[in-house]
PDB file of N, CA and C in Angstrom:
ATOM      1  N   MET A   1     -65.618 121.777 119.965  1.00  0.00           N
ATOM      2  CA  MET A   1     -66.449 121.400 121.035  1.00  0.00           C
ATOM      3  C   MET A   1     -66.226 121.610 122.509  1.00  0.00           C
ATOM      4  N   LEU A   2     -65.213 121.417 122.806  1.00  0.00           N
ATOM      5  CA  LEU A   2     -65.032 121.779 124.538  1.00  0.00           C
ATOM      6  C   LEU A   2     -65.835 123.147 124.561  1.00  0.00           C
ATOM      7  N   GLU A   3     -65.738 123.998 123.667  1.00  0.00           N
ATOM      8  CA  GLU A   3     -66.370 125.530 124.162  1.00  0.00           C
ATOM      9  C   GLU A   3     -67.887 125.439 123.936  1.00  0.00           C
ATOM     10  N   ASN A   4     -68.215 124.022 123.895  1.00  0.00           N
ATOM     11  CA  ASN A   4     -69.813 123.987 123.644  1.00  0.00           C
ATOM     12  C   ASN A   4     -70.480 123.315 124.294  1.00  0.00           C
ATOM     13  N   LEU A   5     -69.709 122.744 125.327  1.00  0.00           N
ATOM     14  CA  LEU A   5     -70.007 121.316 126.432  1.00  0.00           C
ATOM     15  C   LEU A   5     -71.579 121.800 126.911  1.00  0.00           C
ATOM     16  N   ASN A   6     -71.860 123.212 127.308  1.00  0.00           N
ATOM     17  CA  ASN A   6     -73.176 123.258 127.675  1.00  0.00           C
ATOM     18  C   ASN A   6     -74.493 123.555 126.907  1.00  0.00           C
ATOM     19  N   GLN A   7     -73.925 122.958 125.871  1.00  0.00           N
ATOM     20  CA  GLN A   7     -75.009 123.398 123.757  1.00  0.00           C
ATOM     21  C   GLN A   7     -75.148 121.599 123.428  1.00  0.00           C
ATOM     22  N   LYS A   8     -75.912 121.606 122.455  1.00  0.00           N
ATOM     23  CA  LYS A   8     -76.478 120.751 121.915  1.00  0.00           C
ATOM     24  C   LYS A   8     -75.804 120.929 120.351  1.00  0.00           C
ATOM     25  N   LEU A   9     -75.147 119.992 120.197  1.00  0.00           N
ATOM     26  CA  LEU A   9     -74.347 120.205 118.658  1.00  0.00           C
ATOM     27  C   LEU A   9     -74.836 119.165 117.836  1.00  0.00           C
ATOM     28  N   ARG A  10     -75.407 119.488 116.763  1.00  0.00           N
ATOM     29  CA  ARG A  10     -75.757 118.983 115.550  1.00  0.00           C
ATOM     30  C   ARG A  10     -73.950 118.344 114.947  1.00  0.00           C
ATOM     31  N   LEU A  11     -73.999 117.275 114.151  1.00  0.00           N
ATOM     32  CA  LEU A  11     -73.278 116.934 113.290  1.00  0.00           C
ATOM     33  C   LEU A  11     -73.176 117.601 112.192  1.00  0.00           C
ATOM     34  N   ASN A  12     -74.109 118.079 111.698  1.00  0.00           N
ATOM     35  CA  ASN A  12     -73.761 119.277 110.285  1.00  0.00           C
ATOM     36  C   ASN A  12     -73.384 120.652 110.815  1.00  0.00           C
ATOM     37  N   GLU A  13     -73.699 120.935 111.839  1.00  0.00           N
ATOM     38  CA  GLU A  13     -73.327 121.870 112.865  1.00  0.00           C
ATOM     39  C   GLU A  13     -71.524 121.975 112.952  1.00  0.00           C
ATOM     40  N   ILE A  14     -70.949 120.739 113.326  1.00  0.00           N
ATOM     41  CA  ILE A  14     -69.745 120.682 113.777  1.00  0.00           C
ATOM     42  C   ILE A  14     -68.865 120.834 112.155  1.00  0.00           C
ATOM     43  N   ALA A  15     -69.456 119.897 111.248  1.00  0.00           N
ATOM     44  CA  ALA A  15     -68.995 119.875 110.251  1.00  0.00           C
ATOM     45  C   ALA A  15     -68.657 121.583 109.427  1.00  0.00           C
ATOM     46  N   ALA A  16     -69.946 122.066 109.460  1.00  0.00           N
ATOM     47  CA  ALA A  16     -69.655 123.397 108.952  1.00  0.00           C
ATOM     48  C   ALA A  16     -68.665 124.336 109.334  1.00  0.00           C
ATOM     49  N   GLN A  17     -68.173 124.254 110.666  1.00  0.00           N
ATOM     50  CA  GLN A  17     -67.106 124.810 111.104  1.00  0.00           C
ATOM     51  C   GLN A  17     -66.006 124.438 110.680  1.00  0.00           C
ATOM     52  N   THR A  18     -65.943 123.454 109.969  1.00  0.00           N
ATOM     53  CA  THR A  18     -64.896 122.736 109.189  1.00  0.00           C
ATOM     54  C   THR A  18     -64.787 123.300 107.797  1.00  0.00           C
ATOM     55  N   GLY A  19     -65.910 123.345 107.600  1.00  0.00           N
ATOM     56  CA  GLY A  19     -66.021 123.624 105.967  1.00  0.00           C
ATOM     57  C   GLY A  19     -66.539 122.178 104.943  1.00  0.00           C
ATOM     58  N   LEU A  20     -66.622 121.445 105.746  1.00  0.00           N
ATOM     59  CA  LEU A  20     -66.692 120.088 105.445  1.00  0.00           C
ATOM     60  C   LEU A  20     -68.085 119.276 105.190  1.00  0.00           C
ATOM     61  N   SER A  21     -68.318 118.440 104.586  1.00  0.00           N
ATOM     62  CA  SER A  21     -69.648 117.820 104.707  1.00  0.00           C
ATOM     63  C   SER A  21     -69.845 116.994 105.808  1.00  0.00           C
ATOM     64  N   ALA A  22     -70.786 116.613 106.293  1.00  0.00           N
ATOM     65  CA  ALA A  22     -71.276 115.860 108.113  1.00  0.00           C
ATOM     66  C   ALA A  22     -70.385 114.554 107.314  1.00  0.00           C
ATOM     67  N   SER A  23     -70.619 113.931 106.396  1.00  0.00           N
ATOM     68  CA  SER A  23     -70.196 112.980 106.660  1.00  0.00           C
ATOM     69  C   SER A  23     -68.776 112.444 106.023  1.00  0.00           C
ATOM     70  N   TYR A  24     -67.929 113.388 105.468  1.00  0.00           N
ATOM     71  CA  TYR A  24     -66.602 113.602 105.118  1.00  0.00           C
ATOM     72  C   TYR A  24     -66.160 113.556 106.746  1.00  0.00           C
ATOM     73  N   TYR A  25     -66.572 114.726 107.181  1.00  0.00           N
ATOM     74  CA  TYR A  25     -66.081 115.417 108.616  1.00  0.00           C
ATOM     75  C   TYR A  25     -66.126 113.746 109.378  1.00  0.00           C
ATOM     76  N   SER A  26     -66.964 113.157 109.666  1.00  0.00           N
ATOM     77  CA  SER A  26     -67.377 112.400 110.449  1.00  0.00           C
ATOM     78  C   SER A  26     -65.975 111.212 110.014  1.00  0.00           C
ATOM     79  N   THR A  27     -66.622 110.621 109.052  1.00  0.00           N
ATOM     80  CA  THR A  27     -65.261 109.621 108.533  1.00  0.00           C
ATOM     81  C   THR A  27     -63.646 109.919 108.902  1.00  0.00           C
ATOM     82  N   LEU A  28     -63.283 111.017 108.666  1.00  0.00           N
ATOM     83  CA  LEU A  28     -62.248 111.722 109.193  1.00  0.00           C
ATOM     84  C   LEU A  28     -61.749 111.614 110.753  1.00  0.00           C
ATOM     85  N   PHE A  29     -63.110 111.772 111.278  1.00  0.00           N
ATOM     86  CA  PHE A  29     -62.943 112.384 112.788  1.00  0.00           C
ATOM     87  C   PHE A  29     -62.869 110.825 113.322  1.00  0.00           C
ATOM     88  N   GLN A  30     -63.531 109.679 112.714  1.00  0.00           N
ATOM     89  CA  GLN A  30     -63.510 108.652 113.365  1.00  0.00           C
ATOM     90  C   GLN A  30     -62.277 107.877 112.933  1.00  0.00           C
ATOM     91  N   LYS A  31     -61.609 108.176 111.798  1.00  0.00           N
ATOM     92  CA  LYS A  31     -60.099 107.379 111.642  1.00  0.00           C
ATOM     93  C   LYS A  31     -59.519 108.160 112.713  1.00  0.00           C
ATOM     94  N   ARG A  32     -59.358 109.523 112.701  1.00  0.00           N
ATOM     95  CA  ARG A  32     -58.100 110.430 113.776  1.00  0.00           C
ATOM     96  C   ARG A  32     -58.757 109.439 115.082  1.00  0.00           C
ATOM     97  N   THR A  33     -60.217 109.448 115.481  1.00  0.00           N
ATOM     98  CA  THR A  33     -59.560 109.299 117.076  1.00  0.00           C
ATOM     99  C   THR A  33     -60.294 107.758 117.520  1.00  0.00           C
ATOM    100  N   GLY A  34     -61.203 107.190 116.577  1.00  0.00           N
ATOM    101  CA  GLY A  34     -61.704 106.152 116.999  1.00  0.00           C
ATOM    102  C   GLY A  34     -62.776 106.125 117.772  1.00  0.00           C
ATOM    103  N   HIS A  35     -63.781 107.461 117.441  1.00  0.00           N
ATOM    104  CA  HIS A  35     -64.963 107.255 118.016  1.00  0.00           C
ATOM    105  C   HIS A  35     -65.691 108.740 116.807  1.00  0.00           C
ATOM    106  N   SER A  36     -67.127 108.191 116.634  1.00  0.00           N
ATOM    107  CA  SER A  36     -67.934 109.100 116.017  1.00  0.00           C
ATOM    108  C   SER A  36     -67.666 110.768 116.832  1.00  0.00           C
ATOM    109  N   PRO A  37     -67.908 111.549 115.977  1.00  0.00           N
ATOM    110  CA  PRO A  37     -67.692 112.870 116.638  1.00  0.00           C
ATOM    111  C   PRO A  37     -68.627 113.367 117.591  1.00  0.00           C
ATOM    112  N   ILE A  38     -70.211 112.295 117.495  1.00  0.00           N
ATOM    113  CA  ILE A  38     -70.816 112.555 118.751  1.00  0.00           C
ATOM    114  C   ILE A  38     -70.748 111.803 119.843  1.00  0.00           C
ATOM    115  N   GLU A  39     -70.173 110.821 119.877  1.00  0.00           N
ATOM    116  CA  GLU A  39     -69.758 110.211 120.941  1.00  0.00           C
ATOM    117  C   GLU A  39     -68.586 110.785 121.660  1.00  0.00           C
ATOM    118  N   TYR A  40     -67.755 111.513 120.742  1.00  0.00           N
ATOM    119  CA  TYR A  40     -66.462 111.481 121.240  1.00  0.00           C
ATOM    120  C   TYR A  40     -67.001 113.139 122.501  1.00  0.00           C
ATOM    121  N   PHE A  41     -67.747 113.898 121.555  1.00  0.00           N
ATOM    122  CA  PHE A  41     -68.725 115.031 122.347  1.00  0.00           C
ATOM    123  C   PHE A  41     -69.539 114.844 123.520  1.00  0.00           C
ATOM    124  N   ILE A  42     -70.081 113.569 123.654  1.00  0.00           N
ATOM    125  CA  ILE A  42     -70.758 112.936 124.772  1.00  0.00           C
ATOM    126  C   ILE A  42     -69.909 112.534 125.698  1.00  0.00           C
ATOM    127  N   GLN A  43     -68.498 112.350 125.352  1.00  0.00           N
ATOM    128  CA  GLN A  43     -67.566 111.565 126.311  1.00  0.00           C
ATOM    129  C   GLN A  43     -67.303 112.795 126.970  1.00  0.00           C
ATOM    130  N   LEU A  44     -66.785 114.154 126.157  1.00  0.00           N
ATOM    131  CA  LEU A  44     -66.588 115.323 126.604  1.00  0.00           C
ATOM    132  C   LEU A  44     -67.581 116.047 127.664  1.00  0.00           C
ATOM    133  N   LYS A  45     -68.569 115.551 127.514  1.00  0.00           N
ATOM    134  CA  LYS A  45     -69.566 116.284 128.611  1.00  0.00           C
ATOM    135  C   LYS A  45     -69.663 115.576 130.010  1.00  0.00           C
ATOM    136  N   ILE A  46     -69.588 114.014 129.865  1.00  0.00           N
ATOM    137  CA  ILE A  46     -69.171 113.410 130.847  1.00  0.00           C
ATOM    138  C   ILE A  46     -68.138 113.397 131.737  1.00  0.00           C
ATOM    139  N   GLN A  47     -67.404 114.403 131.138  1.00  0.00           N
ATOM    140  CA  GLN A  47     -65.949 114.017 131.662  1.00  0.00           C
ATOM    141  C   GLN A  47     -65.796 115.456 132.752  1.00  0.00           C
ATOM    142  N   ARG A  48     -66.824 116.386 131.965  1.00  0.00           N
ATOM    143  CA  ARG A  48     -67.165 118.075 132.303  1.00  0.00           C
ATOM    144  C   ARG A  48     -67.880 117.473 133.808  1.00  0.00           C
ATOM    145  N   ALA A  49     -69.047 116.743 133.471  1.00  0.00           N
ATOM    146  CA  ALA A  49     -70.111 116.099 134.405  1.00  0.00           C
ATOM    147  C   ALA A  49     -69.408 115.674 135.755  1.00  0.00           C
ATOM    148  N   CYS A  50     -68.470 114.791 135.491  1.00  0.00           N
ATOM    149  CA  CYS A  50     -67.277 114.235 136.298  1.00  0.00           C
ATOM    150  C   CYS A  50     -66.695 115.090 137.154  1.00  0.00           C
ATOM    151  N   ARG A  51     -65.986 116.067 136.680  1.00  0.00           N
ATOM    152  CA  ARG A  51     -65.443 117.012 137.349  1.00  0.00           C
ATOM    153  C   ARG A  51     -66.448 118.247 138.353  1.00  0.00           C
ATOM    154  N   LEU A  52     -68.127 118.000 137.596  1.00  0.00           N
ATOM    155  CA  LEU A  52     -68.903 118.864 138.362  1.00  0.00           C
ATOM    156  C   LEU A  52     -68.953 118.229 139.410  1.00  0.00           C
ATOM    157  N   LEU A  53     -69.132 117.310 139.520  1.00  0.00           N
ATOM    158  CA  LEU A  53     -69.829 115.895 140.686  1.00  0.00           C
ATOM    159  C   LEU A  53     -68.245 115.790 141.569  1.00  0.00           C
ATOM    160  N   ASP A  54     -67.684 116.068 141.186  1.00  0.00           N
ATOM    161  CA  ASP A  54     -66.218 115.635 141.963  1.00  0.00           C
ATOM    162  C   ASP A  54     -65.805 117.032 143.260  1.00  0.00           C
ATOM    163  N   ASN A  55     -66.030 118.628 142.326  1.00  0.00           N
ATOM    164  CA  ASN A  55     -65.488 118.969 142.526  1.00  0.00           C
ATOM    165  C   ASN A  55     -66.731 120.436 142.923  1.00  0.00           C
ATOM    166  N   SER A  56     -68.008 120.569 143.057  1.00  0.00           N
ATOM    167  CA  SER A  56     -68.813 121.069 143.649  1.00  0.00           C
ATOM    168  C   SER A  56     -70.220 120.460 144.151  1.00  0.00           C
ATOM    169  N   GLY A  57     -71.244 121.632 144.676  1.00  0.00           N
ATOM    170  CA  GLY A  57     -71.497 120.328 145.703  1.00  0.00           C
ATOM    171  C   GLY A  57     -73.163 120.716 144.951  1.00  0.00           C
ATOM    172  N   TRP A  58     -73.244 120.894 143.430  1.00  0.00           N
ATOM    173  CA  TRP A  58     -74.142 121.234 142.401  1.00  0.00           C
ATOM    174  C   TRP A  58     -75.137 120.011 142.842  1.00  0.00           C
ATOM    175  N   LEU A  59     -76.290 120.136 142.624  1.00  0.00           N
ATOM    176  CA  LEU A  59     -77.278 119.235 142.547  1.00  0.00           C
ATOM    177  C   LEU A  59     -77.324 118.578 141.120  1.00  0.00           C
ATOM    178  N   ILE A  60     -77.617 116.849 140.796  1.00  0.00           N
ATOM    179  CA  ILE A  60     -77.186 116.358 139.447  1.00  0.00           C
ATOM    180  C   ILE A  60     -77.647 116.849 138.589  1.00  0.00           C
ATOM    181  N   ALA A  61     -79.297 117.424 139.077  1.00  0.00           N
ATOM    182  CA  ALA A  61     -80.413 118.379 137.817  1.00  0.00           C
ATOM    183  C   ALA A  61     -79.091 119.156 137.394  1.00  0.00           C
ATOM    184  N   ASP A  62     -78.443 120.470 138.559  1.00  0.00           N
ATOM    185  CA  ASP A  62     -77.728 121.789 138.132  1.00  0.00           C
ATOM    186  C   ASP A  62     -76.254 121.068 137.165  1.00  0.00           C
ATOM    187  N   VAL A  63     -75.886 119.691 137.576  1.00  0.00           N
ATOM    188  CA  VAL A  63     -74.957 118.985 136.524  1.00  0.00           C
ATOM    189  C   VAL A  63     -75.673 118.614 135.400  1.00  0.00           C
ATOM    190  N   SER A  64     -76.697 118.274 135.143  1.00  0.00           N
ATOM    191  CA  SER A  64     -77.357 117.830 134.133  1.00  0.00           C
ATOM    192  C   SER A  64     -77.406 118.976 132.806  1.00  0.00           C
ATOM    193  N   ARG A  65     -77.889 120.332 133.752  1.00  0.00           N
ATOM    194  CA  ARG A  65     -78.266 121.020 132.540  1.00  0.00           C
ATOM    195  C   ARG A  65     -77.121 122.052 132.361  1.00  0.00           C
ATOM    196  N   GLU A  66     -76.072 122.194 133.295  1.00  0.00           N
ATOM    197  CA  GLU A  66     -74.574 123.059 132.748  1.00  0.00           C
ATOM    198  C   GLU A  66     -73.765 122.095 131.529  1.00  0.00           C
ATOM    199  N   THR A  67     -73.863 120.492 131.671  1.00  0.00           N
ATOM    200  CA  THR A  67     -73.513 119.885 130.516  1.00  0.00           C
ATOM    201  C   THR A  67     -74.155 119.942 129.006  1.00  0.00           C
ATOM    202  N   GLY A  68     -75.550 120.414 129.131  1.00  0.00           N
ATOM    203  CA  GLY A  68     -76.438 120.483 128.067  1.00  0.00           C
ATOM    204  C   GLY A  68     -77.590 119.571 127.999  1.00  0.00           C
ATOM    205  N   PHE A  69     -77.809 118.962 128.799  1.00  0.00           N
ATOM    206  CA  PHE A  69     -79.127 117.784 129.123  1.00  0.00           C
ATOM    207  C   PHE A  69     -79.731 118.710 129.734  1.00  0.00           C
ATOM    208  N   ASP A  70     -81.191 118.644 129.155  1.00  0.00           N
ATOM    209  CA  ASP A  70     -82.149 119.549 129.515  1.00  0.00           C
ATOM    210  C   ASP A  70     -83.032 118.254 129.734  1.00  0.00           C
ATOM    211  N   ASP A  71     -83.118 116.911 130.086  1.00  0.00           N
ATOM    212  CA  ASP A  71     -83.554 116.112 130.758  1.00  0.00           C
ATOM    213  C   ASP A  71     -82.735 115.383 131.434  1.00  0.00           C
ATOM    214  N   GLN A  72     -82.755 115.392 133.024  1.00  0.00           N
ATOM    215  CA  GLN A  72     -81.996 115.086 133.665  1.00  0.00           C
ATOM    216  C   GLN A  72     -81.630 113.406 133.712  1.00  0.00           C
ATOM    217  N   PHE A  73     -83.110 113.100 133.163  1.00  0.00           N
ATOM    218  CA  PHE A  73     -83.068 111.422 133.341  1.00  0.00           C
ATOM    219  C   PHE A  73     -82.532 110.763 132.226  1.00  0.00           C
ATOM    220  N   TYR A  74     -82.557 111.641 130.989  1.00  0.00           N
ATOM    221  CA  TYR A  74     -81.372 111.014 129.773  1.00  0.00           C
ATOM    222  C   TYR A  74     -79.944 111.414 130.267  1.00  0.00           C
ATOM    223  N   PHE A  75     -79.888 112.660 130.760  1.00  0.00           N
ATOM    224  CA  PHE A  75     -78.459 112.720 131.794  1.00  0.00           C
ATOM    225  C   PHE A  75     -77.758 111.881 132.194  1.00  0.00           C
ATOM    226  N   SER A  76     -79.129 110.796 133.238  1.00  0.00           N
ATOM    227  CA  SER A  76     -78.480 109.715 133.943  1.00  0.00           C
ATOM    228  C   SER A  76     -78.375 108.810 133.458  1.00  0.00           C
ATOM    229  N   ARG A  77     -78.820 108.207 132.339  1.00  0.00           N
ATOM    230  CA  ARG A  77     -79.092 107.339 131.314  1.00  0.00           C
ATOM    231  C   ARG A  77     -77.888 107.344 130.546  1.00  0.00           C
ATOM    232  N   THR A  78     -77.257 108.369 130.421  1.00  0.00           N
ATOM    233  CA  THR A  78     -76.351 108.619 129.555  1.00  0.00           C
ATOM    234  C   THR A  78     -74.586 108.386 130.144  1.00  0.00           C
ATOM    235  N   PHE A  79     -74.955 109.013 131.493  1.00  0.00           N
ATOM    236  CA  PHE A  79     -73.922 109.067 132.198  1.00  0.00           C
ATOM    237  C   PHE A  79     -73.236 107.535 132.950  1.00  0.00           C
ATOM    238  N   ARG A  80     -74.740 106.726 133.116  1.00  0.00           N
ATOM    239  CA  ARG A  80     -74.383 105.289 133.329  1.00  0.00           C
ATOM    240  C   ARG A  80     -74.023 104.802 132.188  1.00  0.00           C
ATOM    241  N   LYS A  81     -74.253 104.796 131.051  1.00  0.00           N
ATOM    242  CA  LYS A  81     -73.944 104.103 129.891  1.00  0.00           C
ATOM    243  C   LYS A  81     -72.133 104.554 129.992  1.00  0.00           C
ATOM    244  N   VAL A  82     -71.360 105.842 129.752  1.00  0.00           N
ATOM    245  CA  VAL A  82     -70.086 106.008 129.503  1.00  0.00           C
ATOM    246  C   VAL A  82     -69.516 105.583 131.114  1.00  0.00           C
ATOM    247  N   MET A  83     -70.085 105.590 132.397  1.00  0.00           N
ATOM    248  CA  MET A  83     -69.559 105.383 133.481  1.00  0.00           C
ATOM    249  C   MET A  83     -69.112 104.463 134.030  1.00  0.00           C
ATOM    250  N   GLY A  84     -70.666 103.917 133.778  1.00  0.00           N
ATOM    251  CA  GLY A  84     -71.142 102.749 134.476  1.00  0.00           C
ATOM    252  C   GLY A  84     -71.374 102.534 135.635  1.00  0.00           C
ATOM    253  N   MET A  85     -72.228 103.534 135.650  1.00  0.00           N
ATOM    254  CA  MET A  85     -72.612 104.029 137.544  1.00  0.00           C
ATOM    255  C   MET A  85     -73.265 105.399 136.958  1.00  0.00           C
ATOM    256  N   SER A  86     -74.771 105.287 137.931  1.00  0.00           N
ATOM    257  CA  SER A  86     -74.935 106.325 137.769  1.00  0.00           C
ATOM    258  C   SER A  86     -74.399 107.690 138.756  1.00  0.00           C
ATOM    259  N   PRO A  87     -74.492 109.618 138.558  1.00  0.00           N
ATOM    260  CA  PRO A  87     -73.880 110.287 138.796  1.00  0.00           C
ATOM    261  C   PRO A  87     -73.978 110.356 139.999  1.00  0.00           C
ATOM    262  N   ALA A  88     -75.409 109.970 140.913  1.00  0.00           N
ATOM    263  CA  ALA A  88     -74.992 109.377 142.396  1.00  0.00           C
ATOM    264  C   ALA A  88     -74.481 108.232 143.020  1.00  0.00           C
ATOM    265  N   GLU A  89     -74.392 107.610 142.078  1.00  0.00           N
ATOM    266  CA  GLU A  89     -72.867 106.603 142.651  1.00  0.00           C
ATOM    267  C   GLU A  89     -71.679 107.076 142.568  1.00  0.00           C
ATOM    268  N   TYR A  90     -71.655 107.895 141.343  1.00  0.00           N
ATOM    269  CA  TYR A  90     -69.865 108.339 141.383  1.00  0.00           C
ATOM    270  C   TYR A  90     -69.872 109.442 142.306  1.00  0.00           C
ATOM    271  N   ARG A  91     -70.543 110.263 142.547  1.00  0.00           N
ATOM    272  CA  ARG A  91     -70.752 111.200 143.657  1.00  0.00           C
ATOM    273  C   ARG A  91     -70.142 110.368 144.908  1.00  0.00           C
ATOM    274  N   LYS A  92     -71.391 109.237 145.177  1.00  0.00           N
ATOM    275  CA  LYS A  92     -71.100 108.681 146.753  1.00  0.00           C
ATOM    276  C   LYS A  92     -69.803 107.652 146.484  1.00  0.00           C
ATOM    277  N   ARG A  93     -69.453 107.529 145.397  1.00  0.00           N
ATOM    278  CA  ARG A  93     -67.873 106.245 145.379  1.00  0.00           C
ATOM    279  C   ARG A  93     -66.296 107.775 146.505  1.00  0.00           C
ATOM    280  N   ARG A  94     -66.602 108.727 146.180  1.00  0.00           N
ATOM    281  CA  ARG A  94     -65.802 109.500 146.558  1.00  0.00           C
ATOM    282  C   ARG A  94     -65.522 110.009 147.881  1.00  0.00           C
ATOM    283  N   VAL A  95     -67.127 109.616 148.602  1.00  0.00           N
ATOM    284  CA  VAL A  95     -66.959 110.164 150.236  1.00  0.00           C
ATOM    285  C   VAL A  95     -66.398 108.893 151.067  1.00  0.00           C
TER     286      VAL A  95
END
């Protein structure tokens, strides 16, 4: 997952890498991490976005694309859901 943060991954694709069915992989993953594979992948993407917002002068649209979100508004909604604030608010809080 870490190697594909700028991609869109589907559960079937992730499970295929392990040779397990999607449902069995999801069950195992949930038991071991407490999160579904997709939730975990989104968390990783948002962590990457936070690092980019903290350490680069990139536009939010560029951060969105770099973390695999084609739609900047969907990225912002997802970021807000995970972080409790918009990407712009997150960046401003550091100043």
